[in-house]
Amino acid sequence: MESTPALFAGTVFALFGAGLVAWTGARTLHRQPVMDAARPVAAAVCTGVVGVVSLGLAVWCFAQT
């Protein structure tokens, strides 16, 4: 019963992180801005780091089950 919240949180983190990394990669590949009113490199790095951290949290949540 305790593993259900960890599985739910891990799934949410995994979907969010994978989507964010894929979206950032696609925008960067097509040379489109990742975020308005920000430097392109800084925005791409920041969103990429957040996506990877989310994937790391997903792995941690799945390890708790």
PDB file of N, CA and C in Angstrom:
ATOM      1  N   MET A   1       0.815  -1.188   0.000  1.00  0.00           N
ATOM      2  CA  MET A   1       0.000   0.000   0.000  1.00  0.00           C
ATOM      3  C   MET A   1       0.861   1.254   0.000  1.00  0.00           C
ATOM      4  N   GLU A   2       2.040   1.201   0.632  1.00  0.00           N
ATOM      5  CA  GLU A   2       2.908   2.373   0.685  1.00  0.00           C
ATOM      6  C   GLU A   2       3.598   2.635  -0.637  1.00  0.00           C
ATOM      7  N   SER A   3       3.673   1.641  -1.504  1.00  0.00           N
ATOM      8  CA  SER A   3       4.382   1.826  -2.762  1.00  0.00           C
ATOM      9  C   SER A   3       3.533   2.547  -3.808  1.00  0.00           C
ATOM     10  N   THR A   4       2.239   2.628  -3.615  1.00  0.00           N
ATOM     11  CA  THR A   4       1.377   3.274  -4.606  1.00  0.00           C
ATOM     12  C   THR A   4       1.696   4.753  -4.793  1.00  0.00           C
ATOM     13  N   PRO A   5       1.868   5.556  -3.722  1.00  0.00           N
ATOM     14  CA  PRO A   5       2.228   6.959  -3.933  1.00  0.00           C
ATOM     15  C   PRO A   5       3.594   7.116  -4.595  1.00  0.00           C
ATOM     16  N   ALA A   6       4.538   6.242  -4.264  1.00  0.00           N
ATOM     17  CA  ALA A   6       5.862   6.328  -4.885  1.00  0.00           C
ATOM     18  C   ALA A   6       5.788   5.994  -6.371  1.00  0.00           C
ATOM     19  N   LEU A   7       4.976   5.020  -6.732  1.00  0.00           N
ATOM     20  CA  LEU A   7       4.801   4.694  -8.146  1.00  0.00           C
ATOM     21  C   LEU A   7       4.127   5.831  -8.907  1.00  0.00           C
ATOM     22  N   PHE A   8       3.114   6.446  -8.288  1.00  0.00           N
ATOM     23  CA  PHE A   8       2.431   7.565  -8.935  1.00  0.00           C
ATOM     24  C   PHE A   8       3.382   8.743  -9.120  1.00  0.00           C
ATOM     25  N   ALA A   9       4.109   9.104  -8.063  1.00  0.00           N
ATOM     26  CA  ALA A   9       5.044  10.225  -8.149  1.00  0.00           C
ATOM     27  C   ALA A   9       6.157   9.936  -9.150  1.00  0.00           C
ATOM     28  N   GLY A  10       6.665   8.711  -9.156  1.00  0.00           N
ATOM     29  CA  GLY A  10       7.699   8.345 -10.113  1.00  0.00           C
ATOM     30  C   GLY A  10       7.217   8.428 -11.544  1.00  0.00           C
ATOM     31  N   THR A  11       5.986   8.021 -11.778  1.00  0.00           N
ATOM     32  CA  THR A  11       5.414   8.103 -13.129  1.00  0.00           C
ATOM     33  C   THR A  11       5.250   9.555 -13.562  1.00  0.00           C
ATOM     34  N   VAL A  12       4.780  10.398 -12.657  1.00  0.00           N
ATOM     35  CA  VAL A  12       4.614  11.812 -12.979  1.00  0.00           C
ATOM     36  C   VAL A  12       5.960  12.454 -13.273  1.00  0.00           C
ATOM     37  N   PHE A  13       6.954  12.203 -12.435  1.00  0.00           N
ATOM     38  CA  PHE A  13       8.286  12.755 -12.665  1.00  0.00           C
ATOM     39  C   PHE A  13       8.883  12.246 -13.980  1.00  0.00           C
ATOM     40  N   ALA A  14       8.690  10.961 -14.267  1.00  0.00           N
ATOM     41  CA  ALA A  14       9.247  10.392 -15.498  1.00  0.00           C
ATOM     42  C   ALA A  14       8.601  10.998 -16.738  1.00  0.00           C
ATOM     43  N   LEU A  15       7.287  11.125 -16.733  1.00  0.00           N
ATOM     44  CA  LEU A  15       6.601  11.714 -17.886  1.00  0.00           C
ATOM     45  C   LEU A  15       6.978  13.175 -18.073  1.00  0.00           C
ATOM     46  N   PHE A  16       7.015  13.930 -16.981  1.00  0.00           N
ATOM     47  CA  PHE A  16       7.370  15.345 -17.064  1.00  0.00           C
ATOM     48  C   PHE A  16       8.818  15.510 -17.534  1.00  0.00           C
ATOM     49  N   GLY A  17       9.730  14.765 -16.941  1.00  0.00           N
ATOM     50  CA  GLY A  17      11.146  14.883 -17.302  1.00  0.00           C
ATOM     51  C   GLY A  17      11.409  14.477 -18.735  1.00  0.00           C
ATOM     52  N   ALA A  18      10.824  13.371 -19.165  1.00  0.00           N
ATOM     53  CA  ALA A  18      11.028  12.912 -20.546  1.00  0.00           C
ATOM     54  C   ALA A  18      10.425  13.898 -21.540  1.00  0.00           C
ATOM     55  N   GLY A  19       9.248  14.410 -21.227  1.00  0.00           N
ATOM     56  CA  GLY A  19       8.625  15.390 -22.109  1.00  0.00           C
ATOM     57  C   GLY A  19       9.416  16.675 -22.194  1.00  0.00           C
ATOM     58  N   LEU A  20       9.933  17.136 -21.066  1.00  0.00           N
ATOM     59  CA  LEU A  20      10.704  18.378 -21.047  1.00  0.00           C
ATOM     60  C   LEU A  20      12.025  18.221 -21.791  1.00  0.00           C
ATOM     61  N   VAL A  21      12.701  17.112 -21.598  1.00  0.00           N
ATOM     62  CA  VAL A  21      13.958  16.870 -22.306  1.00  0.00           C
ATOM     63  C   VAL A  21      13.709  16.745 -23.807  1.00  0.00           C
ATOM     64  N   ALA A  22      12.662  16.037 -24.193  1.00  0.00           N
ATOM     65  CA  ALA A  22      12.352  15.876 -25.618  1.00  0.00           C
ATOM     66  C   ALA A  22      11.972  17.212 -26.250  1.00  0.00           C
ATOM     67  N   TRP A  23      11.160  17.993 -25.548  1.00  0.00           N
ATOM     68  CA  TRP A  23      10.731  19.286 -26.076  1.00  0.00           C
ATOM     69  C   TRP A  23      11.916  20.240 -26.214  1.00  0.00           C
ATOM     70  N   THR A  24      12.774  20.272 -25.195  1.00  0.00           N
ATOM     71  CA  THR A  24      13.952  21.139 -25.243  1.00  0.00           C
ATOM     72  C   THR A  24      14.875  20.714 -26.367  1.00  0.00           C
ATOM     73  N   GLY A  25      15.086  19.420 -26.522  1.00  0.00           N
ATOM     74  CA  GLY A  25      15.935  18.936 -27.609  1.00  0.00           C
ATOM     75  C   GLY A  25      15.379  19.268 -28.978  1.00  0.00           C
ATOM     76  N   ALA A  26      14.081  19.122 -29.145  1.00  0.00           N
ATOM     77  CA  ALA A  26      13.463  19.429 -30.437  1.00  0.00           C
ATOM     78  C   ALA A  26      13.555  20.917 -30.753  1.00  0.00           C
ATOM     79  N   ARG A  27      13.287  21.766 -29.762  1.00  0.00           N
ATOM     80  CA  ARG A  27      13.370  23.207 -29.990  1.00  0.00           C
ATOM     81  C   ARG A  27      14.805  23.634 -30.294  1.00  0.00           C
ATOM     82  N   THR A  28      15.761  23.048 -29.591  1.00  0.00           N
ATOM     83  CA  THR A  28      17.160  23.396 -29.811  1.00  0.00           C
ATOM     84  C   THR A  28      17.624  22.888 -31.173  1.00  0.00           C
ATOM     85  N   LEU A  29      17.201  21.711 -31.554  1.00  0.00           N
ATOM     86  CA  LEU A  29      17.588  21.134 -32.837  1.00  0.00           C
ATOM     87  C   LEU A  29      17.087  21.978 -34.004  1.00  0.00           C
ATOM     88  N   HIS A  30      15.899  22.534 -33.855  1.00  0.00           N
ATOM     89  CA  HIS A  30      15.319  23.370 -34.912  1.00  0.00           C
ATOM     90  C   HIS A  30      15.702  24.842 -34.778  1.00  0.00           C
ATOM     91  N   ARG A  31      16.597  25.133 -33.839  1.00  0.00           N
ATOM     92  CA  ARG A  31      17.080  26.496 -33.587  1.00  0.00           C
ATOM     93  C   ARG A  31      15.947  27.479 -33.289  1.00  0.00           C
ATOM     94  N   GLN A  32      14.977  27.026 -32.536  1.00  0.00           N
ATOM     95  CA  GLN A  32      13.880  27.873 -32.086  1.00  0.00           C
ATOM     96  C   GLN A  32      14.090  28.190 -30.611  1.00  0.00           C
ATOM     97  N   PRO A  33      13.561  29.308 -30.141  1.00  0.00           N
ATOM     98  CA  PRO A  33      13.783  29.659 -28.728  1.00  0.00           C
ATOM     99  C   PRO A  33      13.081  28.683 -27.787  1.00  0.00           C
ATOM    100  N   VAL A  34      13.762  28.347 -26.734  1.00  0.00           N
ATOM    101  CA  VAL A  34      13.193  27.462 -25.716  1.00  0.00           C
ATOM    102  C   VAL A  34      12.294  28.262 -24.787  1.00  0.00           C
ATOM    103  N   MET A  35      12.694  29.521 -24.521  1.00  0.00           N
ATOM    104  CA  MET A  35      11.933  30.380 -23.632  1.00  0.00           C
ATOM    105  C   MET A  35      12.014  31.807 -24.153  1.00  0.00           C
ATOM    106  N   ASP A  36      10.909  32.518 -24.110  1.00  0.00           N
ATOM    107  CA  ASP A  36      10.898  33.904 -24.560  1.00  0.00           C
ATOM    108  C   ASP A  36      11.622  34.796 -23.554  1.00  0.00           C
ATOM    109  N   ALA A  37      12.241  35.846 -24.066  1.00  0.00           N
ATOM    110  CA  ALA A  37      12.908  36.870 -23.248  1.00  0.00           C
ATOM    111  C   ALA A  37      14.032  36.299 -22.391  1.00  0.00           C
ATOM    112  N   ALA A  38      14.747  35.316 -22.915  1.00  0.00           N
ATOM    113  CA  ALA A  38      15.890  34.755 -22.205  1.00  0.00           C
ATOM    114  C   ALA A  38      16.973  34.411 -23.223  1.00  0.00           C
ATOM    115  N   ARG A  39      18.199  34.335 -22.740  1.00  0.00           N
ATOM    116  CA  ARG A  39      19.284  33.947 -23.632  1.00  0.00           C
ATOM    117  C   ARG A  39      19.080  32.493 -24.045  1.00  0.00           C
ATOM    118  N   PRO A  40      19.251  32.189 -25.321  1.00  0.00           N
ATOM    119  CA  PRO A  40      18.947  30.838 -25.824  1.00  0.00           C
ATOM    120  C   PRO A  40      19.742  29.729 -25.139  1.00  0.00           C
ATOM    121  N   VAL A  41      21.027  29.943 -24.948  1.00  0.00           N
ATOM    122  CA  VAL A  41      21.848  28.885 -24.336  1.00  0.00           C
ATOM    123  C   VAL A  41      21.467  28.683 -22.878  1.00  0.00           C
ATOM    124  N   ALA A  42      21.279  29.775 -22.155  1.00  0.00           N
ATOM    125  CA  ALA A  42      20.915  29.669 -20.733  1.00  0.00           C
ATOM    126  C   ALA A  42      19.559  28.985 -20.567  1.00  0.00           C
ATOM    127  N   ALA A  43      18.603  29.315 -21.426  1.00  0.00           N
ATOM    128  CA  ALA A  43      17.279  28.699 -21.333  1.00  0.00           C
ATOM    129  C   ALA A  43      17.339  27.214 -21.648  1.00  0.00           C
ATOM    130  N   ALA A  44      18.110  26.849 -22.663  1.00  0.00           N
ATOM    131  CA  ALA A  44      18.211  25.431 -23.023  1.00  0.00           C
ATOM    132  C   ALA A  44      18.894  24.632 -21.920  1.00  0.00           C
ATOM    133  N   VAL A  45      19.951  25.188 -21.343  1.00  0.00           N
ATOM    134  CA  VAL A  45      20.657  24.491 -20.270  1.00  0.00           C
ATOM    135  C   VAL A  45      19.767  24.362 -19.041  1.00  0.00           C
ATOM    136  N   CYS A  46      19.074  25.428 -18.685  1.00  0.00           N
ATOM    137  CA  CYS A  46      18.218  25.408 -17.495  1.00  0.00           C
ATOM    138  C   CYS A  46      17.089  24.387 -17.637  1.00  0.00           C
ATOM    139  N   THR A  47      16.401  24.389 -18.765  1.00  0.00           N
ATOM    140  CA  THR A  47      15.311  23.434 -18.938  1.00  0.00           C
ATOM    141  C   THR A  47      15.831  22.004 -19.074  1.00  0.00           C
ATOM    142  N   GLY A  48      16.996  21.855 -19.674  1.00  0.00           N
ATOM    143  CA  GLY A  48      17.591  20.516 -19.758  1.00  0.00           C
ATOM    144  C   GLY A  48      17.947  19.965 -18.392  1.00  0.00           C
ATOM    145  N   VAL A  49      18.500  20.813 -17.535  1.00  0.00           N
ATOM    146  CA  VAL A  49      18.856  20.387 -16.176  1.00  0.00           C
ATOM    147  C   VAL A  49      17.604  20.018 -15.387  1.00  0.00           C
ATOM    148  N   VAL A  50      16.558  20.816 -15.505  1.00  0.00           N
ATOM    149  CA  VAL A  50      15.310  20.507 -14.794  1.00  0.00           C
ATOM    150  C   VAL A  50      14.729  19.177 -15.278  1.00  0.00           C
ATOM    151  N   GLY A  51      14.804  18.921 -16.579  1.00  0.00           N
ATOM    152  CA  GLY A  51      14.315  17.649 -17.112  1.00  0.00           C
ATOM    153  C   GLY A  51      15.101  16.456 -16.597  1.00  0.00           C
ATOM    154  N   VAL A  52      16.420  16.595 -16.556  1.00  0.00           N
ATOM    155  CA  VAL A  52      17.265  15.499 -16.071  1.00  0.00           C
ATOM    156  C   VAL A  52      17.063  15.287 -14.575  1.00  0.00           C
ATOM    157  N   VAL A  53      16.909  16.361 -13.822  1.00  0.00           N
ATOM    158  CA  VAL A  53      16.633  16.223 -12.384  1.00  0.00           C
ATOM    159  C   VAL A  53      15.297  15.517 -12.166  1.00  0.00           C
ATOM    160  N   SER A  54      14.306  15.834 -12.972  1.00  0.00           N
ATOM    161  CA  SER A  54      13.011  15.152 -12.860  1.00  0.00           C
ATOM    162  C   SER A  54      13.137  13.661 -13.152  1.00  0.00           C
ATOM    163  N   LEU A  55      13.940  13.324 -14.156  1.00  0.00           N
ATOM    164  CA  LEU A  55      14.164  11.904 -14.448  1.00  0.00           C
ATOM    165  C   LEU A  55      14.907  11.218 -13.298  1.00  0.00           C
ATOM    166  N   GLY A  56      15.840  11.919 -12.681  1.00  0.00           N
ATOM    167  CA  GLY A  56      16.540  11.371 -11.523  1.00  0.00           C
ATOM    168  C   GLY A  56      15.600  11.151 -10.345  1.00  0.00           C
ATOM    169  N   LEU A  57      14.686  12.089 -10.130  1.00  0.00           N
ATOM    170  CA  LEU A  57      13.691  11.915  -9.072  1.00  0.00           C
ATOM    171  C   LEU A  57      12.765  10.740  -9.369  1.00  0.00           C
ATOM    172  N   ALA A  58      12.465  10.532 -10.632  1.00  0.00           N
ATOM    173  CA  ALA A  58      11.632   9.379 -11.002  1.00  0.00           C
ATOM    174  C   ALA A  58      12.337   8.078 -10.661  1.00  0.00           C
ATOM    175  N   VAL A  59      13.613   8.009 -10.977  1.00  0.00           N
ATOM    176  CA  VAL A  59      14.387   6.802 -10.645  1.00  0.00           C
ATOM    177  C   VAL A  59      14.417   6.596  -9.138  1.00  0.00           C
ATOM    178  N   TRP A  60      14.595   7.675  -8.389  1.00  0.00           N
ATOM    179  CA  TRP A  60      14.631   7.568  -6.938  1.00  0.00           C
ATOM    180  C   TRP A  60      13.281   7.088  -6.393  1.00  0.00           C
ATOM    181  N   CYS A  61      12.183   7.637  -6.933  1.00  0.00           N
ATOM    182  CA  CYS A  61      10.855   7.201  -6.488  1.00  0.00           C
ATOM    183  C   CYS A  61      10.610   5.729  -6.791  1.00  0.00           C
ATOM    184  N   PHE A  62      11.014   5.292  -7.992  1.00  0.00           N
ATOM    185  CA  PHE A  62      10.837   3.898  -8.339  1.00  0.00           C
ATOM    186  C   PHE A  62      11.715   2.981  -7.477  1.00  0.00           C
ATOM    187  N   ALA A  63      12.845   3.487  -7.033  1.00  0.00           N
ATOM    188  CA  ALA A  63      13.712   2.691  -6.167  1.00  0.00           C
ATOM    189  C   ALA A  63      13.129   2.534  -4.763  1.00  0.00           C
ATOM    190  N   GLN A  64      12.218   3.428  -4.369  1.00  0.00           N
ATOM    191  CA  GLN A  64      11.605   3.375  -3.043  1.00  0.00           C
ATOM    192  C   GLN A  64      10.527   2.315  -2.933  1.00  0.00           C
ATOM    193  N   THR A  65      10.064   1.780  -4.065  1.00  0.00           N
ATOM    194  CA  THR A  65       8.969   0.803  -4.032  1.00  0.00           C
ATOM    195  C   THR A  65       9.446  -0.566  -3.675  1.00  0.00           C
TER     196      THR A  65
END
